[in-house]
Amino acid sequence: MPLYWKRRRCSTRGSDDIRLLHMRDSGRDAMAIADGRTREDLDSDRQLVLALSHAVQIIGEAANQISDTTRDATPNVPWIRIINMRHRLVHDYYRINLDVLWQTVQVEIPDLIARIEPLLPAEAD
């Protein structure tokens, strides 16, 4: 069996730490990509839409991999909304609401980062 097919054995906490880092880093990426841009730029810049959509998808996929233990311990993080946003972007890609995407990047992601940063290991950055 190829190496990439084997699931790595690691503690749930360690795995969750990695996923939380992925969420934070993709959130920071989305914010950096959108920096200096406006909502109207989404109407004319397909690359911008694709880049922001992809960053939000990564956040949602990482959230989907977070253990139930960590999710239950952090009810202030809207896990289901984050995961549902990912599903919507992936499966309903031809009907992305650009207003919602922009709101997510400008408001929801900074709030999410503030909520998950206290969960990250001290050496993360």
C-alpha atoms as a PDB file:
ATOM      1  CA  MET A   1       0.000   0.000   0.000  1.00  0.00           C
ATOM      2  CA  PRO A   2       1.434   3.424  -0.914  1.00  0.00           C
ATOM      3  CA  LEU A   3       2.531   5.596   1.988  1.00  0.00           C
ATOM      4  CA  TYR A   4      -0.061   8.282   1.229  1.00  0.00           C
ATOM      5  CA  TRP A   5      -2.866   5.753   1.752  1.00  0.00           C
ATOM      6  CA  LYS A   6      -1.804   4.939   5.281  1.00  0.00           C
ATOM      7  CA  ARG A   7      -3.358   6.940   8.048  1.00  0.00           C
ATOM      8  CA  ARG A   8      -0.824   8.338  10.399  1.00  0.00           C
ATOM      9  CA  ARG A   9      -1.216   7.279  13.953  1.00  0.00           C
ATOM     10  CA  CYS A  10      -1.033  10.244  16.252  1.00  0.00           C
ATOM     11  CA  SER A  11      -2.831  11.560  19.265  1.00  0.00           C
ATOM     12  CA  THR A  12      -6.123  13.282  18.706  1.00  0.00           C
ATOM     13  CA  ARG A  13      -4.796  16.413  20.355  1.00  0.00           C
ATOM     14  CA  GLY A  14      -1.758  16.562  18.080  1.00  0.00           C
ATOM     15  CA  SER A  15      -3.901  16.030  15.020  1.00  0.00           C
ATOM     16  CA  ASP A  16      -6.336  18.706  16.175  1.00  0.00           C
ATOM     17  CA  ASP A  17      -3.454  21.109  16.750  1.00  0.00           C
ATOM     18  CA  ILE A  18      -2.356  20.642  13.144  1.00  0.00           C
ATOM     19  CA  ARG A  19      -5.886  21.180  11.828  1.00  0.00           C
ATOM     20  CA  LEU A  20      -6.312  24.304  13.943  1.00  0.00           C
ATOM     21  CA  LEU A  21      -3.035  25.638  12.548  1.00  0.00           C
ATOM     22  CA  HIS A  22      -4.285  24.937   9.029  1.00  0.00           C
ATOM     23  CA  MET A  23      -7.472  26.840   9.810  1.00  0.00           C
ATOM     24  CA  ARG A  24      -5.587  29.811  11.214  1.00  0.00           C
ATOM     25  CA  ASP A  25      -3.044  29.889   8.396  1.00  0.00           C
ATOM     26  CA  SER A  26      -5.671  29.624   5.651  1.00  0.00           C
ATOM     27  CA  GLY A  27      -7.660  32.346   7.376  1.00  0.00           C
ATOM     28  CA  ARG A  28      -4.618  34.581   7.413  1.00  0.00           C
ATOM     29  CA  ASP A  29      -4.037  33.749   3.741  1.00  0.00           C
ATOM     30  CA  ALA A  30      -7.599  34.759   2.866  1.00  0.00           C
ATOM     31  CA  MET A  31      -7.276  38.022   4.746  1.00  0.00           C
ATOM     32  CA  ALA A  32      -3.944  38.800   3.050  1.00  0.00           C
ATOM     33  CA  ILE A  33      -5.364  38.014  -0.391  1.00  0.00           C
ATOM     34  CA  ALA A  34      -8.328  40.326   0.255  1.00  0.00           C
ATOM     35  CA  ASP A  35      -6.220  43.114   1.739  1.00  0.00           C
ATOM     36  CA  GLY A  36      -6.573  46.289  -0.309  1.00  0.00           C
ATOM     37  CA  ARG A  37      -9.421  44.803  -2.331  1.00  0.00           C
ATOM     38  CA  THR A  38     -13.126  45.612  -2.278  1.00  0.00           C
ATOM     39  CA  ARG A  39     -16.277  43.564  -2.527  1.00  0.00           C
ATOM     40  CA  GLU A  40     -16.732  44.919  -6.062  1.00  0.00           C
ATOM     41  CA  ASP A  41     -13.409  43.338  -7.090  1.00  0.00           C
ATOM     42  CA  LEU A  42     -15.047  39.936  -6.717  1.00  0.00           C
ATOM     43  CA  ASP A  43     -17.410  40.798  -9.582  1.00  0.00           C
ATOM     44  CA  SER A  44     -14.579  41.264 -12.072  1.00  0.00           C
ATOM     45  CA  ASP A  45     -11.695  39.172 -10.716  1.00  0.00           C
ATOM     46  CA  ARG A  46     -12.302  35.448 -11.079  1.00  0.00           C
ATOM     47  CA  GLN A  47      -8.844  34.696  -9.666  1.00  0.00           C
ATOM     48  CA  LEU A  48      -9.737  36.537  -6.469  1.00  0.00           C
ATOM     49  CA  VAL A  49     -12.962  34.550  -6.120  1.00  0.00           C
ATOM     50  CA  LEU A  50     -11.134  31.264  -6.659  1.00  0.00           C
ATOM     51  CA  ALA A  51      -8.349  32.134  -4.215  1.00  0.00           C
ATOM     52  CA  LEU A  52     -10.713  33.205  -1.441  1.00  0.00           C
ATOM     53  CA  SER A  53     -13.017  30.239  -2.061  1.00  0.00           C
ATOM     54  CA  HIS A  54     -10.098  27.850  -1.830  1.00  0.00           C
ATOM     55  CA  ALA A  55      -8.848  29.342   1.444  1.00  0.00           C
ATOM     56  CA  VAL A  56     -12.338  29.070   2.944  1.00  0.00           C
ATOM     57  CA  GLN A  57     -12.617  25.476   1.695  1.00  0.00           C
ATOM     58  CA  ILE A  58      -9.370  24.578   3.466  1.00  0.00           C
ATOM     59  CA  ILE A  59     -10.693  26.081   6.688  1.00  0.00           C
ATOM     60  CA  GLY A  60     -13.870  24.025   6.362  1.00  0.00           C
ATOM     61  CA  GLU A  61     -12.062  20.798   5.541  1.00  0.00           C
ATOM     62  CA  ALA A  62      -9.706  21.227   8.482  1.00  0.00           C
ATOM     63  CA  ALA A  63     -12.684  21.964  10.741  1.00  0.00           C
ATOM     64  CA  ASN A  64     -14.366  18.802   9.505  1.00  0.00           C
ATOM     65  CA  GLN A  65     -11.341  16.796  10.673  1.00  0.00           C
ATOM     66  CA  ILE A  66     -11.359  18.225  14.212  1.00  0.00           C
ATOM     67  CA  SER A  67     -12.251  15.604  16.812  1.00  0.00           C
ATOM     68  CA  ASP A  68     -15.612  15.598  18.551  1.00  0.00           C
ATOM     69  CA  THR A  69     -13.745  16.019  21.838  1.00  0.00           C
ATOM     70  CA  THR A  70     -12.247  19.332  20.741  1.00  0.00           C
ATOM     71  CA  ARG A  71     -15.486  20.485  19.115  1.00  0.00           C
ATOM     72  CA  ASP A  72     -17.454  19.715  22.277  1.00  0.00           C
ATOM     73  CA  ALA A  73     -14.877  21.599  24.353  1.00  0.00           C
ATOM     74  CA  THR A  74     -15.135  24.707  22.137  1.00  0.00           C
ATOM     75  CA  PRO A  75     -18.814  25.536  21.643  1.00  0.00           C
ATOM     76  CA  ASN A  76     -17.883  29.169  20.844  1.00  0.00           C
ATOM     77  CA  VAL A  77     -16.526  28.021  17.466  1.00  0.00           C
ATOM     78  CA  PRO A  78     -19.338  27.578  14.904  1.00  0.00           C
ATOM     79  CA  TRP A  79     -18.032  24.208  13.654  1.00  0.00           C
ATOM     80  CA  ILE A  80     -21.156  23.188  11.734  1.00  0.00           C
ATOM     81  CA  ARG A  81     -21.463  26.561   9.972  1.00  0.00           C
ATOM     82  CA  ILE A  82     -17.798  26.404   8.947  1.00  0.00           C
ATOM     83  CA  ILE A  83     -18.128  22.864   7.612  1.00  0.00           C
ATOM     84  CA  ASN A  84     -21.385  23.678   5.821  1.00  0.00           C
ATOM     85  CA  MET A  85     -19.734  26.673   4.144  1.00  0.00           C
ATOM     86  CA  ARG A  86     -17.032  24.352   2.814  1.00  0.00           C
ATOM     87  CA  HIS A  87     -19.649  21.912   1.514  1.00  0.00           C
ATOM     88  CA  ARG A  88     -21.510  24.735  -0.180  1.00  0.00           C
ATOM     89  CA  LEU A  89     -18.371  26.041  -1.905  1.00  0.00           C
ATOM     90  CA  VAL A  90     -17.337  22.574  -3.066  1.00  0.00           C
ATOM     91  CA  HIS A  91     -20.675  21.134  -4.123  1.00  0.00           C
ATOM     92  CA  ASP A  92     -22.560  24.271  -5.156  1.00  0.00           C
ATOM     93  CA  TYR A  93     -19.529  25.995  -6.701  1.00  0.00           C
ATOM     94  CA  TYR A  94     -21.521  27.470  -9.578  1.00  0.00           C
ATOM     95  CA  ARG A  95     -23.775  29.419  -7.215  1.00  0.00           C
ATOM     96  CA  ILE A  96     -21.333  31.095  -4.839  1.00  0.00           C
ATOM     97  CA  ASN A  97     -22.875  34.126  -3.205  1.00  0.00           C
ATOM     98  CA  LEU A  98     -20.077  36.673  -3.458  1.00  0.00           C
ATOM     99  CA  ASP A  99     -21.574  38.840  -0.710  1.00  0.00           C
ATOM    100  CA  VAL A 100     -21.422  35.889   1.685  1.00  0.00           C
ATOM    101  CA  LEU A 101     -17.879  35.031   0.597  1.00  0.00           C
ATOM    102  CA  TRP A 102     -16.744  38.616   1.184  1.00  0.00           C
ATOM    103  CA  GLN A 103     -18.502  38.811   4.577  1.00  0.00           C
ATOM    104  CA  THR A 104     -16.850  35.536   5.542  1.00  0.00           C
ATOM    105  CA  VAL A 105     -13.380  36.810   4.715  1.00  0.00           C
ATOM    106  CA  GLN A 106     -13.839  40.285   6.182  1.00  0.00           C
ATOM    107  CA  VAL A 107     -15.798  39.490   9.359  1.00  0.00           C
ATOM    108  CA  GLU A 108     -16.148  35.795  10.090  1.00  0.00           C
ATOM    109  CA  ILE A 109     -12.537  34.716   9.506  1.00  0.00           C
ATOM    110  CA  PRO A 110     -10.946  37.361  11.769  1.00  0.00           C
ATOM    111  CA  ASP A 111     -13.455  36.360  14.460  1.00  0.00           C
ATOM    112  CA  LEU A 112     -12.676  32.673  13.902  1.00  0.00           C
ATOM    113  CA  ILE A 113      -8.941  33.265  14.205  1.00  0.00           C
ATOM    114  CA  ALA A 114      -9.498  35.105  17.489  1.00  0.00           C
ATOM    115  CA  ARG A 115     -11.509  32.132  18.767  1.00  0.00           C
ATOM    116  CA  ILE A 116      -9.045  29.413  17.761  1.00  0.00           C
ATOM    117  CA  GLU A 117      -5.737  31.114  18.597  1.00  0.00           C
ATOM    118  CA  PRO A 118      -6.134  30.392  22.341  1.00  0.00           C
ATOM    119  CA  LEU A 119      -6.494  26.695  21.412  1.00  0.00           C
ATOM    120  CA  LEU A 120      -3.171  26.565  19.567  1.00  0.00           C
ATOM    121  CA  PRO A 121       0.006  25.238  21.155  1.00  0.00           C
ATOM    122  CA  ALA A 122       2.216  27.930  22.671  1.00  0.00           C
ATOM    123  CA  GLU A 123       4.969  27.440  20.090  1.00  0.00           C
ATOM    124  CA  ALA A 124       2.589  27.886  17.127  1.00  0.00           C
ATOM    125  CA  ASP A 125       3.279  30.858  14.884  1.00  0.00           C
END
